[in-house]
Amino acid sequence: MKRKRIAVCTALGLLVAALGVVAAGCGGGDEGSSAGDWQVEGLGSTLDEIQANAKTEGKVDLVAWAYYVEDGSNDPNADWVTDFEKETGCDVSAKVANTSDEMVTLMKTGQYDGVSASGNASLRLVAGGDVAPVNVDLVPNYADIFEDLKDQPYNTVDGVPYGIPHGRGANVLMWRTDIVKPAPDSWGVVFDENSPYKGKVTAYDDSVYIADAALYLMETQPDLNITNPYELDEDQFNAAVDLLKKQATIIGEYWSDYAKEESSFTSGNSVVGTTWQSVTNFLQGEKVPVESTSPKEGATGWSDTWMINSKAAHPNCMYLWMNHIVSPQTNATQTEYYGEAPSNAKSCDLMTDPDFCAKYHADDPDYWKNVYYWITPLADCGDDRGEVCKDHSEWVQAWTEIRGS
């Protein structure tokens, strides 16, 4: 959900002020600014230099979502790392993170060259000075990225891109088809205090889940006047928090580790709740009777961006990785395996399932207008209400209260 660029910079400025740091790209408002003005130390200025420097660096250290960096060791059918290593001379090491908060924490250590950040992490990384702008001219495959994934408020600041879009997906509703009947079409099934599935409802364990409650309230309580589930003033925020506190009485367990949710649905400890399409795909492959859908109220979702550490030890290998992971064939292989829409428009012709992109709405911009991508909540509401919305720190505090820990 794109805001006007000036509103993004104003909001980022508030976040930056709160963190006590300075973010490049919002100061002068120069539309002609180039990412090269903040080039990472040691990065070659041409593709030839980057390729030569990469052979000297010899490695790249990544923070990523599960299934984003696979070398065949977990599944021999999933390997888009080995060829990259052979072609570039860069050995790949990856740390799987289960939440955006974990990604931010890991990137702040300075031990990693890059991260596959979702929108609720990317703006914090920019504000903290932890990631650098990206010179997209040095990432040739960027040219083929779907246009509606570029110049978004979570990956671009004042016209300067801070990463390369990877893939996107909606946070969907999943249920055990042998237990939950009839098939639900609304998020109401996970918010009903009198649910027959009490104790077997699950929800994503992250403060960003407050947006899921706000999204539901957008449709069910229109008098709250919620227009964006991440831009909540006090009354709107309190309504979402109250709904989640009531929901907590029917929750069996919260999840952030995808393997935990897979195990819970397999055993029947969980029978309905929010999930990622990749989890549904895995469970169906294991013959667990589950189905999922994007409910009638719409959905939150993610659009992930590969970002480079501002102090990356291996910047040349990182640039080559960003170009590789969004190359047509690699992006097709990885996103089909994971279960999300690819970012490279050419990938749709390379899927093993010719209907994959249609199923995941990869080239359907109208579909994504009803998906609210994760983004860092800011005090600036992005409209004429001004700076009265609840920011990320207040979301975290409220989530701790909701969870009771």
Foldseek 3Di string as FASTA:
>chain_A
DAFPQLLLLVQLVQVLVVVVHDFPQSVPLDLPDALVVLDFPPADPALVSLLVSQLVLQEFEEEEAPLLADCCPVPVLRHLQPVLCVRRSYHYHYDHDLDLVVVLVVLVVVPGFKYFHWAQNQSVCRSVLFFGFDRCVNQVLLVQFPPVLPPGSSQDHSNTGQFRWWFKAFFWKKFQVVPDPPDDQAPVQLQDLPHPQFLQEEEAQDLLCLLVLLLNCVPVPVVLVDDGSLQAFDVSSVVSLVSLLSSLRRYNYYDRPLVVVLVCLQVSSHGMYIDTVLSVVVNVVVVRRMDIDQHPSFGAMTTIGMTTTSNRPSNSSSSSVRSSCLDQCNSLSSCVNRPTAGRRPNNQVVHPPVCSCVVRVNPPVVSCVRYHTDHFRGQQSSDPVGRRGDGNVVSRVSSCVSNVD
